[in-house]
Protein backbone atom coordinates (compact mmCIF):
# COMPACT_ATOMS: atom_id res chain seq x y z
CA MET A 1 94.05 124.50 97.87
CA LYS A 2 91.50 122.26 96.09
CA GLU A 3 87.81 121.47 98.21
CA ILE A 4 86.91 118.00 98.04
CA LYS A 5 83.32 117.61 98.78
CA ILE A 6 82.29 114.24 100.83
CA TYR A 7 78.74 112.92 101.43
CA THR A 8 79.07 111.48 104.97
CA GLU A 9 79.85 113.47 108.25
CA SER A 10 83.38 111.93 108.35
CA ILE A 11 86.00 110.05 106.24
CA THR A 12 89.01 108.25 107.23
CA LEU A 13 92.44 109.46 105.75
CA GLY A 14 93.19 106.53 103.56
CA GLN A 15 89.52 106.80 102.17
CA PHE A 16 90.06 110.36 101.49
CA LEU A 17 93.30 110.03 99.48
CA LYS A 18 91.51 107.60 97.23
CA TRP A 19 88.43 109.90 96.97
CA CYS A 20 90.50 112.67 95.84
CA ARG A 21 92.41 110.50 93.38
CA VAL A 22 95.74 111.03 95.19
CA VAL A 23 96.07 107.41 95.00
CA GLU A 24 94.37 104.38 93.36
CA THR A 25 94.26 101.72 96.24
CA GLY A 26 94.42 101.42 100.07
CA GLY A 27 97.76 100.16 100.07
CA GLN A 28 99.13 103.00 98.12
CA ALA A 29 97.40 105.27 100.82
CA LYS A 30 99.18 103.13 103.53
CA ASN A 31 102.77 103.67 101.83
CA LEU A 32 102.26 107.24 100.99
CA ILE A 33 100.99 108.05 104.76
CA LEU A 34 103.67 105.46 106.41
CA ALA A 35 106.28 107.54 104.59
CA GLY A 36 105.14 110.79 106.01
CA ARG A 37 104.36 112.60 102.87
CA VAL A 38 100.76 113.36 104.42
CA LYS A 39 99.93 116.17 106.63
CA VAL A 40 96.38 116.91 108.29
CA ASN A 41 96.11 120.39 109.54
CA GLY A 42 99.54 121.17 109.30
CA GLU A 43 101.00 118.22 111.23
CA ILE A 44 102.33 114.82 109.72
CA GLU A 45 99.67 111.99 110.08
CA LEU A 46 100.89 108.34 110.27
CA HIS A 47 97.41 106.91 110.71
CA ARG A 48 95.42 105.87 107.85
CA SER A 49 92.39 105.48 109.92
CA ARG A 50 92.43 109.10 111.26
CA LYS A 51 88.95 110.58 110.73
CA LEU A 52 88.70 113.58 108.90
CA LYS A 53 85.60 116.23 109.18
CA ASN A 54 84.60 119.15 107.50
CA GLY A 55 87.34 121.61 107.44
CA ASP A 56 90.07 119.67 107.81
CA VAL A 57 93.10 120.27 105.47
CA VAL A 58 95.10 117.32 103.85
CA GLU A 59 98.52 118.24 102.43
CA VAL A 60 100.35 115.57 100.07
CA ASP A 61 103.74 116.48 98.93
CA GLY A 62 102.85 120.28 98.70
CA GLU A 63 99.33 119.94 97.29
CA LYS A 64 96.54 121.02 99.86
CA TYR A 65 92.91 119.60 99.91
CA VAL A 66 90.19 120.94 102.17
CA VAL A 67 87.27 118.50 103.27
CA VAL A 68 83.95 119.90 102.53
CA VAL A 69 80.72 118.09 103.87
CA GLY A 70 78.08 118.35 101.29
CA GLU A 71 74.60 117.18 100.80
């Protein structure tokens, strides 16, 4: 599992996928999410506007990323 540090209190799922370089554009993030290939805390998430916070686990095609709020 990869720790991905963010520098805000929360981040949307679409922004997070771009931040950790899973996708390059918001459109790619939208397609990936709508295809049901993204899970948040073990459950399929279909909304790219989902707010992620410290400790949330995002899984994309079996690869896991944990949200870590940094300074």
